[in-house]
N, C-alpha and C. Protein backbone atom coordinates (compact mmCIF):
# COMPACT_ATOMS: atom_id res chain seq x y z
N MET A 1 31.01 17.61 10.99
CA MET A 1 29.80 18.49 10.98
C MET A 1 29.81 19.52 12.15
N SER A 2 29.31 20.79 11.87
CA SER A 2 29.29 21.83 12.92
C SER A 2 28.06 21.44 13.85
N LEU A 3 28.09 22.00 14.98
CA LEU A 3 27.01 21.84 15.94
C LEU A 3 25.75 22.36 15.36
N SER A 4 25.85 23.61 14.64
CA SER A 4 24.66 24.26 14.27
C SER A 4 24.17 23.42 12.96
N ALA A 5 25.04 22.71 12.30
CA ALA A 5 24.50 21.69 11.24
C ALA A 5 23.71 20.50 11.77
N LEU A 6 24.30 20.00 13.04
CA LEU A 6 23.79 18.95 13.59
C LEU A 6 22.40 19.12 14.31
N GLN A 7 22.31 20.42 14.51
CA GLN A 7 21.05 20.85 15.15
C GLN A 7 19.78 20.80 14.16
N HIS A 8 20.11 20.91 12.87
CA HIS A 8 19.17 20.88 11.78
C HIS A 8 18.75 19.44 11.54
N VAL A 9 19.44 18.48 12.01
CA VAL A 9 19.16 17.10 11.71
C VAL A 9 18.49 16.34 12.95
N VAL A 10 17.45 15.95 12.88
CA VAL A 10 16.75 15.25 14.17
C VAL A 10 16.35 13.77 13.58
N PHE A 11 16.73 12.91 14.30
CA PHE A 11 16.37 11.46 14.02
C PHE A 11 15.25 11.01 14.91
N ARG A 12 14.27 10.55 14.33
CA ARG A 12 13.07 10.03 15.02
C ARG A 12 13.06 8.68 14.66
N LEU A 13 12.91 7.78 15.59
CA LEU A 13 12.56 6.21 15.30
C LEU A 13 11.19 5.96 15.57
N LYS A 14 10.64 5.30 14.58
CA LYS A 14 9.29 4.87 14.56
C LYS A 14 9.42 3.32 14.69
N VAL A 15 8.76 2.78 15.65
CA VAL A 15 8.77 1.41 15.85
C VAL A 15 7.24 0.91 15.56
N ALA A 16 7.00 -0.04 14.59
CA ALA A 16 5.62 -0.42 14.32
C ALA A 16 5.68 -1.86 14.70
N CYS A 17 4.95 -2.36 15.63
CA CYS A 17 4.88 -3.70 16.10
C CYS A 17 3.71 -4.47 15.35
N GLY A 18 4.07 -5.69 14.83
CA GLY A 18 2.98 -6.50 14.33
C GLY A 18 3.14 -7.88 14.75
N THR A 19 2.45 -8.86 14.20
CA THR A 19 2.52 -10.09 14.49
C THR A 19 3.79 -10.70 14.01
N GLY A 20 4.68 -11.19 15.03
CA GLY A 20 5.89 -11.85 14.88
C GLY A 20 7.15 -11.06 14.54
N GLY A 21 7.20 -9.61 14.59
CA GLY A 21 8.26 -8.91 14.46
C GLY A 21 8.16 -7.42 14.57
N VAL A 22 9.10 -6.63 14.22
CA VAL A 22 9.12 -5.23 14.29
C VAL A 22 9.58 -4.62 13.07
N VAL A 23 9.20 -3.42 12.76
CA VAL A 23 9.71 -2.75 11.52
C VAL A 23 10.12 -1.27 12.09
N PHE A 24 11.45 -1.01 11.79
CA PHE A 24 12.07 0.24 12.21
C PHE A 24 12.09 1.22 11.14
N PHE A 25 11.77 2.47 11.58
CA PHE A 25 11.93 3.59 10.41
C PHE A 25 12.48 4.65 11.21
N CYS A 26 13.30 5.50 10.23
CA CYS A 26 13.85 6.62 10.82
C CYS A 26 13.62 7.73 9.96
N GLU A 27 13.24 9.01 10.44
CA GLU A 27 13.01 10.20 9.56
C GLU A 27 14.13 11.09 9.87
N ARG A 28 14.42 11.67 8.67
CA ARG A 28 15.63 12.87 8.85
C ARG A 28 14.85 14.07 8.57
N LYS A 29 15.09 14.87 9.53
CA LYS A 29 14.23 16.38 9.34
C LYS A 29 15.43 17.43 9.33
N ALA A 30 15.44 18.05 8.13
CA ALA A 30 16.48 18.98 7.94
C ALA A 30 15.89 20.15 7.29
N LEU A 31 16.10 21.43 8.08
CA LEU A 31 15.48 22.70 7.69
C LEU A 31 13.97 22.64 7.54
N GLY A 32 13.40 21.87 8.26
CA GLY A 32 12.00 21.92 8.19
C GLY A 32 11.43 20.85 7.17
N LYS A 33 12.18 20.37 6.49
CA LYS A 33 11.75 19.40 5.39
C LYS A 33 11.97 17.85 5.98
N CYS A 34 11.09 17.09 5.64
CA CYS A 34 10.97 15.71 6.24
C CYS A 34 11.25 14.80 5.14
N SER A 35 12.45 14.02 5.31
CA SER A 35 12.72 12.97 4.16
C SER A 35 12.82 11.67 4.92
N PRO A 36 11.70 10.86 4.84
CA PRO A 36 11.73 9.64 5.52
C PRO A 36 12.47 8.52 4.86
N PHE A 37 13.16 7.73 5.36
CA PHE A 37 13.84 6.58 4.84
C PHE A 37 13.86 5.32 5.91
N VAL A 38 14.06 4.24 5.36
CA VAL A 38 14.11 3.11 6.23
C VAL A 38 15.36 2.78 6.75
N LEU A 39 15.66 2.48 8.04
CA LEU A 39 16.86 2.05 8.47
C LEU A 39 17.01 0.50 8.28
N VAL A 40 16.10 -0.29 8.89
CA VAL A 40 16.11 -1.64 8.71
C VAL A 40 14.56 -2.16 8.72
N ARG A 41 14.30 -3.27 8.19
CA ARG A 41 13.02 -3.85 8.34
C ARG A 41 13.29 -5.42 8.51
N GLU A 42 13.02 -5.76 9.81
CA GLU A 42 13.08 -7.27 10.09
C GLU A 42 11.97 -8.00 9.44
N LYS A 43 12.26 -9.23 9.02
CA LYS A 43 11.30 -10.10 8.60
C LYS A 43 10.43 -10.57 9.70
N ARG A 44 8.97 -10.34 9.61
CA ARG A 44 8.17 -10.48 10.72
C ARG A 44 7.98 -11.93 10.86
N TYR A 45 8.05 -12.56 9.84
CA TYR A 45 7.83 -14.03 9.98
C TYR A 45 8.40 -14.80 8.70
N LYS A 46 8.65 -16.04 8.85
CA LYS A 46 9.03 -16.74 7.67
C LYS A 46 7.85 -17.69 7.45
N ASN A 47 7.14 -17.42 6.29
CA ASN A 47 5.86 -18.26 5.98
C ASN A 47 6.33 -19.62 5.64
N GLU A 48 6.30 -20.58 6.50
CA GLU A 48 6.86 -22.04 6.30
C GLU A 48 5.72 -22.59 5.38
N GLN A 49 4.41 -22.31 5.60
CA GLN A 49 3.38 -22.92 4.91
C GLN A 49 3.27 -22.72 3.38
N GLY A 50 4.01 -21.50 3.00
CA GLY A 50 3.97 -20.99 1.65
C GLY A 50 2.62 -20.43 1.41
N VAL A 51 1.93 -20.90 0.25
CA VAL A 51 0.73 -20.31 -0.18
C VAL A 51 -0.33 -20.76 0.89
N GLY A 52 -1.23 -19.73 1.30
CA GLY A 52 -2.21 -20.12 2.23
C GLY A 52 -1.83 -19.88 3.80
N GLY A 53 -0.66 -19.33 4.09
CA GLY A 53 -0.25 -19.08 5.49
C GLY A 53 -0.72 -17.69 5.92
N PHE A 54 -0.48 -17.34 7.04
CA PHE A 54 -0.90 -16.06 7.68
C PHE A 54 -0.16 -15.10 6.94
N MET A 55 -0.84 -13.95 6.66
CA MET A 55 -0.16 -12.77 5.99
C MET A 55 -0.84 -11.57 6.20
N ARG A 56 -0.18 -10.51 6.43
CA ARG A 56 -0.78 -9.15 6.51
C ARG A 56 -0.49 -8.36 5.19
N ILE A 57 -1.63 -8.01 4.68
CA ILE A 57 -1.40 -7.40 3.18
C ILE A 57 -1.90 -6.04 3.20
N LEU A 58 -1.06 -5.01 2.50
CA LEU A 58 -1.47 -3.75 2.18
C LEU A 58 -1.81 -3.64 0.69
N GLY A 59 -3.10 -3.33 0.39
CA GLY A 59 -3.47 -2.87 -0.86
C GLY A 59 -3.41 -1.42 -1.13
N ILE A 60 -2.99 -1.09 -2.36
CA ILE A 60 -2.98 0.36 -2.66
C ILE A 60 -3.77 0.54 -4.04
N ASP A 61 -4.49 1.55 -3.89
CA ASP A 61 -5.23 1.97 -5.21
C ASP A 61 -4.56 3.43 -5.54
N PRO A 62 -3.75 3.44 -6.49
CA PRO A 62 -2.91 4.69 -6.72
C PRO A 62 -3.53 5.76 -7.36
N GLY A 63 -3.20 6.89 -6.97
CA GLY A 63 -3.93 8.23 -7.44
C GLY A 63 -3.19 9.51 -6.82
N LEU A 64 -3.12 10.41 -7.70
CA LEU A 64 -2.42 11.67 -7.23
C LEU A 64 -3.11 12.35 -6.30
N ARG A 65 -4.52 12.75 -6.67
CA ARG A 65 -5.36 13.45 -5.57
C ARG A 65 -5.58 12.60 -4.34
N THR A 66 -5.92 11.41 -4.59
CA THR A 66 -6.38 10.48 -3.53
C THR A 66 -5.75 9.02 -3.76
N MET A 67 -5.01 8.64 -2.83
CA MET A 67 -4.48 7.31 -3.00
C MET A 67 -5.08 6.32 -1.88
N GLY A 68 -5.87 5.50 -2.33
CA GLY A 68 -6.54 4.60 -1.37
C GLY A 68 -5.54 3.45 -0.74
N TRP A 69 -5.88 3.18 0.39
CA TRP A 69 -5.03 2.01 1.06
C TRP A 69 -6.04 1.11 1.84
N GLY A 70 -5.70 -0.10 2.07
CA GLY A 70 -6.49 -0.83 2.90
C GLY A 70 -5.56 -2.12 3.32
N VAL A 71 -5.65 -2.48 4.42
CA VAL A 71 -4.85 -3.44 5.23
C VAL A 71 -5.76 -4.66 5.72
N ILE A 72 -5.54 -5.91 5.19
CA ILE A 72 -6.30 -7.08 5.73
C ILE A 72 -5.34 -7.98 6.13
N GLU A 73 -5.89 -9.07 6.84
CA GLU A 73 -5.15 -10.22 7.28
C GLU A 73 -5.63 -11.35 6.52
N SER A 74 -4.78 -12.35 6.08
CA SER A 74 -5.17 -13.53 5.52
C SER A 74 -4.62 -14.74 6.19
N ASN A 75 -5.60 -15.56 6.48
CA ASN A 75 -5.17 -16.80 7.27
C ASN A 75 -5.76 -18.03 6.52
N GLY A 76 -5.11 -18.53 5.61
CA GLY A 76 -5.74 -19.65 4.76
C GLY A 76 -6.65 -19.04 3.94
N SER A 77 -8.00 -19.49 3.99
CA SER A 77 -9.10 -18.97 3.12
C SER A 77 -9.76 -17.84 4.00
N ARG A 78 -9.32 -17.51 5.13
CA ARG A 78 -10.13 -16.50 5.95
C ARG A 78 -9.46 -15.25 5.86
N LEU A 79 -10.35 -14.27 5.70
CA LEU A 79 -9.83 -12.76 5.39
C LEU A 79 -10.50 -11.87 6.69
N SER A 80 -9.63 -10.97 7.16
CA SER A 80 -10.14 -10.10 8.23
C SER A 80 -9.74 -8.74 7.82
N HIS A 81 -10.54 -7.69 8.20
CA HIS A 81 -10.22 -6.39 7.94
C HIS A 81 -9.31 -5.79 9.20
N VAL A 82 -8.38 -5.11 8.77
CA VAL A 82 -7.40 -4.44 9.75
C VAL A 82 -7.68 -2.81 9.75
N ALA A 83 -7.54 -2.29 8.70
CA ALA A 83 -7.58 -0.75 8.63
C ALA A 83 -7.71 -0.37 7.15
N ASN A 84 -8.28 0.85 6.94
CA ASN A 84 -8.32 1.30 5.53
C ASN A 84 -8.36 2.95 5.67
N GLY A 85 -8.01 3.61 4.73
CA GLY A 85 -8.12 4.92 4.69
C GLY A 85 -7.61 5.52 3.30
N HIS A 86 -7.18 6.75 3.18
CA HIS A 86 -6.66 7.37 1.94
C HIS A 86 -5.65 8.37 2.22
N CYS A 87 -4.53 8.48 1.27
CA CYS A 87 -3.65 9.61 1.38
C CYS A 87 -3.92 10.62 0.42
N THR A 88 -4.06 11.89 0.77
CA THR A 88 -4.54 12.95 -0.20
C THR A 88 -3.21 14.00 -0.35
N SER A 89 -3.14 14.42 -1.42
CA SER A 89 -2.01 15.42 -1.87
C SER A 89 -2.61 16.78 -2.01
N GLY A 90 -3.83 17.07 -2.07
CA GLY A 90 -4.24 18.59 -2.15
C GLY A 90 -3.83 19.15 -3.45
N SER A 91 -3.58 20.31 -3.51
CA SER A 91 -3.09 21.00 -4.68
C SER A 91 -1.81 21.65 -4.56
N GLY A 92 -1.20 22.11 -5.70
CA GLY A 92 0.18 22.88 -5.55
C GLY A 92 1.10 22.16 -6.48
N ASP A 93 2.33 22.39 -6.18
CA ASP A 93 3.45 22.01 -6.94
C ASP A 93 3.35 20.45 -6.94
N LEU A 94 3.75 19.83 -8.16
CA LEU A 94 3.64 18.48 -8.35
C LEU A 94 4.56 17.52 -7.42
N ALA A 95 5.69 18.15 -7.31
CA ALA A 95 6.81 17.58 -6.43
C ALA A 95 6.44 17.52 -5.16
N GLU A 96 5.83 18.57 -4.57
CA GLU A 96 5.43 18.76 -3.12
C GLU A 96 4.38 17.53 -3.00
N ARG A 97 3.36 17.51 -3.91
CA ARG A 97 2.32 16.49 -3.81
C ARG A 97 2.82 15.23 -3.70
N LEU A 98 3.64 14.81 -4.50
CA LEU A 98 4.26 13.52 -4.36
C LEU A 98 5.02 13.25 -3.27
N LEU A 99 5.78 14.18 -2.67
CA LEU A 99 6.50 13.96 -1.42
C LEU A 99 5.42 13.75 -0.27
N SER A 100 4.34 14.56 -0.32
CA SER A 100 3.29 14.42 0.59
C SER A 100 2.80 12.90 0.66
N LEU A 101 2.38 12.40 -0.62
CA LEU A 101 1.86 11.05 -0.68
C LEU A 101 2.83 9.98 -0.16
N HIS A 102 4.22 10.29 -0.37
CA HIS A 102 5.33 9.32 -0.01
C HIS A 102 5.39 9.36 1.60
N GLU A 103 5.27 10.59 2.26
CA GLU A 103 5.33 10.68 3.71
C GLU A 103 4.11 10.05 4.53
N GLN A 104 3.06 10.16 3.73
CA GLN A 104 1.78 9.64 4.34
C GLN A 104 1.73 8.05 4.16
N LEU A 105 2.21 7.64 2.99
CA LEU A 105 2.21 6.27 2.91
C LEU A 105 3.28 5.58 3.77
N THR A 106 4.45 6.10 3.87
CA THR A 106 5.42 5.60 4.70
C THR A 106 4.87 5.48 6.11
N ASP A 107 3.97 6.42 6.55
CA ASP A 107 3.44 6.37 8.01
C ASP A 107 2.44 5.18 7.88
N VAL A 108 1.65 4.89 7.01
CA VAL A 108 0.70 3.82 7.01
C VAL A 108 1.52 2.52 7.16
N VAL A 109 2.74 2.37 6.36
CA VAL A 109 3.68 1.24 6.44
C VAL A 109 4.14 0.99 7.85
N ALA A 110 4.53 2.22 8.51
CA ALA A 110 5.18 2.07 9.79
C ALA A 110 3.96 1.63 10.88
N ARG A 111 2.68 1.95 10.62
CA ARG A 111 1.74 1.75 11.67
C ARG A 111 1.28 0.41 11.59
N HIS A 112 1.26 -0.13 10.42
CA HIS A 112 0.58 -1.35 10.14
C HIS A 112 1.41 -2.50 9.78
N ALA A 113 2.64 -2.21 9.41
CA ALA A 113 3.71 -3.35 9.19
C ALA A 113 3.16 -4.49 8.33
N PRO A 114 2.86 -4.15 7.20
CA PRO A 114 2.35 -5.25 6.28
C PRO A 114 3.51 -6.31 5.93
N ASP A 115 3.15 -7.51 5.77
CA ASP A 115 4.08 -8.54 5.20
C ASP A 115 4.33 -8.42 3.69
N GLN A 116 3.30 -8.09 3.00
CA GLN A 116 3.27 -8.09 1.65
C GLN A 116 2.42 -6.82 1.18
N ALA A 117 2.51 -6.47 0.07
CA ALA A 117 1.65 -5.41 -0.59
C ALA A 117 1.16 -5.83 -1.98
N ALA A 118 0.09 -5.25 -2.46
CA ALA A 118 -0.44 -5.32 -3.70
C ALA A 118 -0.91 -3.93 -4.32
N ILE A 119 -0.69 -3.70 -5.60
CA ILE A 119 -1.03 -2.48 -6.20
C ILE A 119 -1.43 -2.69 -7.61
N GLU A 120 -2.38 -1.79 -7.99
CA GLU A 120 -3.05 -1.89 -9.33
C GLU A 120 -1.99 -1.50 -10.47
N GLN A 121 -2.15 -2.05 -11.58
CA GLN A 121 -1.59 -1.81 -12.52
C GLN A 121 -2.14 -0.42 -13.17
N THR A 122 -1.24 0.35 -13.91
CA THR A 122 -1.75 1.48 -14.59
C THR A 122 -2.25 1.17 -16.07
N PHE A 123 -3.24 1.58 -16.39
CA PHE A 123 -3.92 1.39 -17.62
C PHE A 123 -3.96 2.76 -18.27
N VAL A 124 -3.62 2.60 -19.68
CA VAL A 124 -3.53 3.97 -20.42
C VAL A 124 -4.94 4.14 -21.18
N ASN A 125 -5.41 5.42 -20.92
CA ASN A 125 -6.67 5.87 -21.48
C ASN A 125 -6.64 7.13 -22.41
N LYS A 126 -7.58 7.59 -22.71
CA LYS A 126 -7.54 8.81 -23.61
C LYS A 126 -6.91 9.97 -23.10
N ASP A 127 -6.84 10.15 -21.73
CA ASP A 127 -6.39 11.18 -21.10
C ASP A 127 -4.84 10.90 -20.88
N GLY A 128 -4.06 11.35 -21.78
CA GLY A 128 -2.77 11.03 -21.50
C GLY A 128 -2.03 11.75 -20.42
N ALA A 129 -2.41 12.83 -20.20
CA ALA A 129 -1.86 13.66 -18.95
C ALA A 129 -2.17 13.04 -17.85
N GLY A 130 -3.49 12.55 -17.60
CA GLY A 130 -4.05 12.02 -16.46
C GLY A 130 -3.25 10.69 -16.18
N THR A 131 -3.06 9.98 -17.12
CA THR A 131 -2.35 8.65 -17.16
C THR A 131 -0.91 8.75 -16.66
N LEU A 132 -0.36 9.82 -17.10
CA LEU A 132 0.98 10.16 -16.62
C LEU A 132 1.20 10.50 -15.12
N LYS A 133 0.18 11.34 -14.70
CA LYS A 133 0.16 11.75 -13.29
C LYS A 133 -0.05 10.54 -12.49
N LEU A 134 -1.02 9.56 -12.81
CA LEU A 134 -1.34 8.33 -12.17
C LEU A 134 -0.02 7.55 -11.95
N GLY A 135 0.75 7.40 -13.19
CA GLY A 135 1.81 6.61 -13.19
C GLY A 135 2.96 7.18 -12.13
N GLN A 136 2.84 8.55 -11.99
CA GLN A 136 4.01 9.22 -11.18
C GLN A 136 3.44 8.84 -9.68
N ALA A 137 2.30 8.88 -9.39
CA ALA A 137 1.83 8.55 -7.84
C ALA A 137 1.94 7.11 -7.63
N ARG A 138 1.71 6.21 -8.72
CA ARG A 138 2.01 4.88 -8.69
C ARG A 138 3.49 4.52 -8.27
N GLY A 139 4.38 5.19 -9.07
CA GLY A 139 5.85 5.18 -8.74
C GLY A 139 6.22 5.59 -7.37
N VAL A 140 5.61 6.55 -6.72
CA VAL A 140 5.83 6.85 -5.34
C VAL A 140 5.44 5.72 -4.36
N ALA A 141 4.23 5.08 -4.61
CA ALA A 141 3.92 4.11 -3.95
C ALA A 141 4.87 2.86 -3.90
N LEU A 142 5.33 2.37 -5.19
CA LEU A 142 6.27 1.58 -5.33
C LEU A 142 7.54 1.70 -4.57
N LEU A 143 8.04 2.96 -4.79
CA LEU A 143 9.25 3.34 -3.97
C LEU A 143 9.10 3.29 -2.39
N THR A 144 8.01 3.74 -1.90
CA THR A 144 7.81 3.65 -0.42
C THR A 144 7.89 2.08 -0.06
N LEU A 145 7.12 1.19 -0.77
CA LEU A 145 7.02 -0.17 -0.38
C LEU A 145 8.57 -0.74 -0.61
N ALA A 146 9.24 -0.33 -1.71
CA ALA A 146 10.51 -0.92 -1.85
C ALA A 146 11.60 -0.57 -0.89
N GLN A 147 11.47 0.76 -0.34
CA GLN A 147 12.21 1.17 0.81
C GLN A 147 12.14 0.37 1.94
N ALA A 148 10.88 -0.14 2.14
CA ALA A 148 10.51 -0.74 3.44
C ALA A 148 10.83 -2.36 3.20
N GLY A 149 11.27 -2.70 1.94
CA GLY A 149 11.56 -4.24 1.81
C GLY A 149 10.31 -5.05 1.63
N ILE A 150 9.22 -4.52 1.26
CA ILE A 150 8.08 -5.20 1.18
C ILE A 150 7.80 -5.90 -0.19
N PRO A 151 7.51 -7.24 -0.31
CA PRO A 151 7.25 -7.91 -1.62
C PRO A 151 5.96 -7.28 -2.22
N ILE A 152 5.86 -6.98 -3.47
CA ILE A 152 4.75 -6.33 -4.13
C ILE A 152 4.14 -7.31 -5.17
N GLY A 153 2.76 -7.42 -5.09
CA GLY A 153 2.04 -8.11 -6.23
C GLY A 153 1.43 -6.87 -6.98
N GLU A 154 1.47 -7.20 -8.38
CA GLU A 154 0.85 -6.12 -9.23
C GLU A 154 -0.30 -6.85 -9.97
N TYR A 155 -1.53 -6.14 -10.05
CA TYR A 155 -2.84 -6.78 -10.66
C TYR A 155 -3.39 -5.83 -11.67
N ALA A 156 -3.79 -6.39 -12.71
CA ALA A 156 -4.73 -5.43 -13.73
C ALA A 156 -6.12 -5.22 -13.13
N PRO A 157 -6.41 -4.04 -13.36
CA PRO A 157 -7.93 -3.67 -12.79
C PRO A 157 -8.99 -4.79 -13.13
N ASN A 158 -9.00 -5.31 -14.22
CA ASN A 158 -10.01 -6.24 -14.51
C ASN A 158 -9.84 -7.51 -13.77
N LYS A 159 -8.60 -7.95 -13.54
CA LYS A 159 -8.37 -9.19 -12.80
C LYS A 159 -8.91 -9.08 -11.20
N VAL A 160 -8.66 -7.75 -10.64
CA VAL A 160 -9.05 -7.57 -9.37
C VAL A 160 -10.67 -7.56 -9.27
N LYS A 161 -11.35 -6.92 -10.40
CA LYS A 161 -12.83 -7.06 -10.33
C LYS A 161 -13.31 -8.40 -10.55
N LYS A 162 -12.71 -9.16 -11.48
CA LYS A 162 -13.12 -10.57 -11.82
C LYS A 162 -12.96 -11.47 -10.58
N THR A 163 -11.90 -11.25 -9.75
CA THR A 163 -11.63 -12.13 -8.51
C THR A 163 -12.52 -11.78 -7.60
N ILE A 164 -12.96 -10.59 -7.30
CA ILE A 164 -13.72 -10.12 -6.15
C ILE A 164 -15.26 -10.14 -6.45
N VAL A 165 -15.68 -9.65 -7.62
CA VAL A 165 -17.06 -9.60 -8.07
C VAL A 165 -17.42 -10.64 -8.73
N GLY A 166 -16.61 -11.21 -9.64
CA GLY A 166 -16.87 -12.18 -10.65
C GLY A 166 -17.16 -11.81 -11.99
N ALA A 167 -17.02 -10.33 -12.29
CA ALA A 167 -17.12 -9.75 -13.45
C ALA A 167 -15.91 -8.77 -13.65
N GLY A 168 -15.21 -8.80 -14.83
CA GLY A 168 -14.15 -7.91 -15.13
C GLY A 168 -14.58 -6.49 -15.41
N HIS A 169 -15.79 -6.24 -15.46
CA HIS A 169 -16.12 -4.75 -15.70
C HIS A 169 -17.20 -4.43 -14.59
N ALA A 170 -17.02 -4.89 -13.44
CA ALA A 170 -17.80 -4.43 -12.26
C ALA A 170 -17.63 -2.93 -11.96
N ASP A 171 -18.65 -2.27 -11.53
CA ASP A 171 -18.63 -0.92 -11.05
C ASP A 171 -18.22 -0.84 -9.59
N LYS A 172 -18.00 0.34 -9.22
CA LYS A 172 -17.55 0.55 -7.84
C LYS A 172 -18.45 0.37 -6.79
N GLN A 173 -19.57 0.40 -7.09
CA GLN A 173 -20.86 -0.07 -6.00
C GLN A 173 -20.81 -1.52 -5.85
N GLN A 174 -20.44 -2.42 -6.92
CA GLN A 174 -20.59 -3.63 -6.66
C GLN A 174 -19.19 -4.23 -5.87
N ILE A 175 -18.08 -3.48 -6.34
CA ILE A 175 -16.80 -3.67 -5.57
C ILE A 175 -17.05 -3.42 -4.04
N LEU A 176 -17.69 -2.26 -3.72
CA LEU A 176 -18.00 -1.83 -2.25
C LEU A 176 -18.71 -2.97 -1.67
N TYR A 177 -19.82 -3.34 -2.39
CA TYR A 177 -20.80 -4.36 -1.77
C TYR A 177 -20.01 -5.65 -1.31
N MET A 178 -19.30 -6.22 -2.46
CA MET A 178 -18.39 -7.48 -2.33
C MET A 178 -17.42 -7.25 -1.02
N VAL A 179 -16.73 -6.12 -1.02
CA VAL A 179 -15.70 -6.01 0.07
C VAL A 179 -16.38 -6.06 1.44
N LYS A 180 -17.48 -5.29 1.59
CA LYS A 180 -18.06 -5.31 2.90
C LYS A 180 -18.70 -6.74 3.19
N LEU A 181 -19.05 -7.48 2.20
CA LEU A 181 -19.63 -8.80 2.40
C LEU A 181 -18.53 -9.85 2.83
N GLN A 182 -17.24 -9.57 2.26
CA GLN A 182 -16.28 -10.57 2.51
C GLN A 182 -15.34 -10.15 3.80
N LEU A 183 -15.56 -8.84 4.13
CA LEU A 183 -14.87 -8.27 5.32
C LEU A 183 -15.87 -7.94 6.29
N PRO A 184 -16.53 -8.75 7.08
CA PRO A 184 -17.62 -8.23 8.06
C PRO A 184 -17.05 -7.20 8.98
N GLY A 185 -17.93 -6.19 9.18
CA GLY A 185 -17.62 -5.04 10.08
C GLY A 185 -16.81 -3.92 9.37
N CYS A 186 -16.35 -4.21 8.14
CA CYS A 186 -15.54 -3.22 7.44
C CYS A 186 -16.38 -2.05 6.94
N GLN A 187 -15.89 -0.93 7.14
CA GLN A 187 -16.48 0.43 6.69
C GLN A 187 -15.52 1.15 6.01
N PRO A 188 -15.37 0.89 4.58
CA PRO A 188 -14.37 1.65 3.83
C PRO A 188 -14.50 3.13 3.93
N ALA A 189 -13.42 3.94 3.98
CA ALA A 189 -13.32 5.39 4.05
C ALA A 189 -13.84 6.01 2.77
N GLY A 190 -13.96 5.35 1.57
CA GLY A 190 -14.27 5.89 0.51
C GLY A 190 -14.15 4.78 -0.76
N ALA A 191 -14.51 5.27 -2.02
CA ALA A 191 -14.28 4.28 -3.07
C ALA A 191 -12.86 3.97 -3.24
N ASP A 192 -11.99 4.75 -3.03
CA ASP A 192 -10.67 4.40 -3.37
C ASP A 192 -10.08 3.45 -2.15
N ALA A 193 -10.66 3.55 -1.06
CA ALA A 193 -10.15 2.68 0.08
C ALA A 193 -10.81 1.32 -0.16
N ALA A 194 -11.98 1.17 -0.70
CA ALA A 194 -12.68 -0.01 -1.07
C ALA A 194 -11.97 -0.68 -2.11
N ASP A 195 -11.42 0.08 -3.24
CA ASP A 195 -10.61 -0.41 -4.20
C ASP A 195 -9.47 -1.08 -3.72
N ALA A 196 -8.77 -0.46 -2.78
CA ALA A 196 -7.48 -0.85 -2.18
C ALA A 196 -7.54 -2.03 -1.41
N LEU A 197 -8.79 -2.27 -0.77
CA LEU A 197 -8.97 -3.39 0.08
C LEU A 197 -9.33 -4.63 -1.07
N ALA A 198 -10.00 -4.37 -2.02
CA ALA A 198 -10.26 -5.36 -3.18
C ALA A 198 -8.88 -5.89 -3.67
N ILE A 199 -7.94 -4.95 -3.90
CA ILE A 199 -6.63 -5.36 -4.43
C ILE A 199 -5.95 -6.25 -3.42
N ALA A 200 -5.93 -5.90 -2.15
CA ALA A 200 -5.31 -6.80 -1.22
C ALA A 200 -6.07 -8.01 -1.01
N MET A 201 -7.42 -8.14 -1.19
CA MET A 201 -8.07 -9.40 -1.27
C MET A 201 -7.72 -10.26 -2.35
N CYS A 202 -7.64 -9.68 -3.54
CA CYS A 202 -7.06 -10.18 -4.88
C CYS A 202 -5.79 -10.84 -4.65
N HIS A 203 -4.84 -10.30 -3.90
CA HIS A 203 -3.54 -10.69 -3.69
C HIS A 203 -3.62 -11.87 -2.67
N ALA A 204 -4.53 -11.86 -1.64
CA ALA A 204 -4.59 -13.15 -0.81
C ALA A 204 -5.21 -14.26 -1.56
N HIS A 205 -5.98 -13.84 -2.48
CA HIS A 205 -6.63 -15.01 -3.30
C HIS A 205 -5.60 -15.80 -4.19
N TYR A 206 -4.59 -15.10 -4.65
CA TYR A 206 -3.60 -15.58 -5.40
C TYR A 206 -2.39 -16.16 -4.51
N GLY A 207 -2.49 -15.95 -3.18
CA GLY A 207 -1.42 -16.54 -2.28
C GLY A 207 -0.14 -15.92 -2.59
N GLY A 208 0.13 -14.60 -2.41
CA GLY A 208 1.43 -14.02 -2.79
C GLY A 208 2.52 -14.58 -1.77
N LYS A 209 3.66 -14.83 -2.54
CA LYS A 209 4.98 -15.41 -1.59
C LYS A 209 5.86 -14.29 -1.29
N GLY A 210 6.57 -14.45 -0.21
CA GLY A 210 7.45 -13.48 0.29
C GLY A 210 8.87 -13.38 -0.51
N ASP A 211 8.95 -14.36 -1.38
CA ASP A 211 10.29 -14.27 -2.02
C ASP A 211 9.98 -13.71 -3.38
N ILE A 212 8.81 -13.15 -3.64
CA ILE A 212 8.53 -12.61 -4.95
C ILE A 212 8.61 -11.14 -4.89
N ARG A 213 9.50 -10.53 -5.62
CA ARG A 213 9.61 -9.00 -5.34
C ARG A 213 8.45 -8.29 -6.02
N LEU A 214 8.04 -8.66 -7.25
CA LEU A 214 7.04 -7.89 -7.95
C LEU A 214 6.42 -9.07 -8.92
N ARG A 215 5.12 -9.33 -8.71
CA ARG A 215 4.49 -10.36 -9.35
C ARG A 215 3.36 -9.72 -10.24
N GLU A 216 3.38 -9.89 -11.40
CA GLU A 216 2.28 -9.19 -12.32
C GLU A 216 1.25 -10.38 -12.72
N VAL A 217 0.08 -10.01 -12.49
CA VAL A 217 -1.15 -10.98 -12.77
C VAL A 217 -1.94 -10.25 -13.97
N GLN A 218 -1.97 -10.63 -15.10
CA GLN A 218 -2.74 -10.04 -16.25
C GLN A 218 -4.16 -10.59 -16.18
N ALA A 219 -5.08 -9.67 -16.64
CA ALA A 219 -6.45 -9.90 -16.68
C ALA A 219 -6.76 -11.13 -17.71
C-alpha cells in the first residue's frame, strides 16, 4: 500500500472500561467516511452464578428516526440505572441514516460496555412501509451488537409491558411511571429511552445467560 493510501486510513482505539474487563474498538476512517468495527471484545466476567448474577444490560427500542437505548445493572433482584439516551438519524438517504445509527450505537456500546443486550421484536402493522423501515433499523442494532460479541435477548412488546407494568397493553405513560419507580433517580431522555430501559429490565427479569446468543420470549 502506498504512503498516500496509508494516509487515508486512521486507526483509533477506543477502550471502554467496565466492571471486570475491557472492550476494545477500532474505527477505520477512509476518505472522510467512518467504518467502525470491533477488533476484540474480552469477556468482562464469567457469571458463575448463572441466573441472578451481576450483569450490565443494554436495552434497545429500535426505530429509524429515533432509536432509544438504556443501560441498567442487575445484581440478583436489585436493579440500578446507569445511563439512557437515543440515537437519531435525521433525514436524507436511507443508507446514510442507517450508517449514522450504527456509528452512534457502536459508540454507546464502547462507552458503557454491556455484558448482554435486549431488543424489542418487530411487529407487523397496517403500515407496511413503516414496518420495513423499522426492521432495517432493528437489523442495524442487531449487527452492532453481534459485532461486539454481545449476547442478545429478544422480547415481544406485550411481554415487556406485562413484565414491567403488569398489563400487556399498557401505554407509554404507564411504562415511564414504572421505569422511574423501579429505577430510583432515573430520568429517561424520552419515551423511546424509557421503553429501552423497560426492555433491559425485562431481560433482567428473565435472567439472560451469557451463552445464549439470541433468545426469543413470546408474549
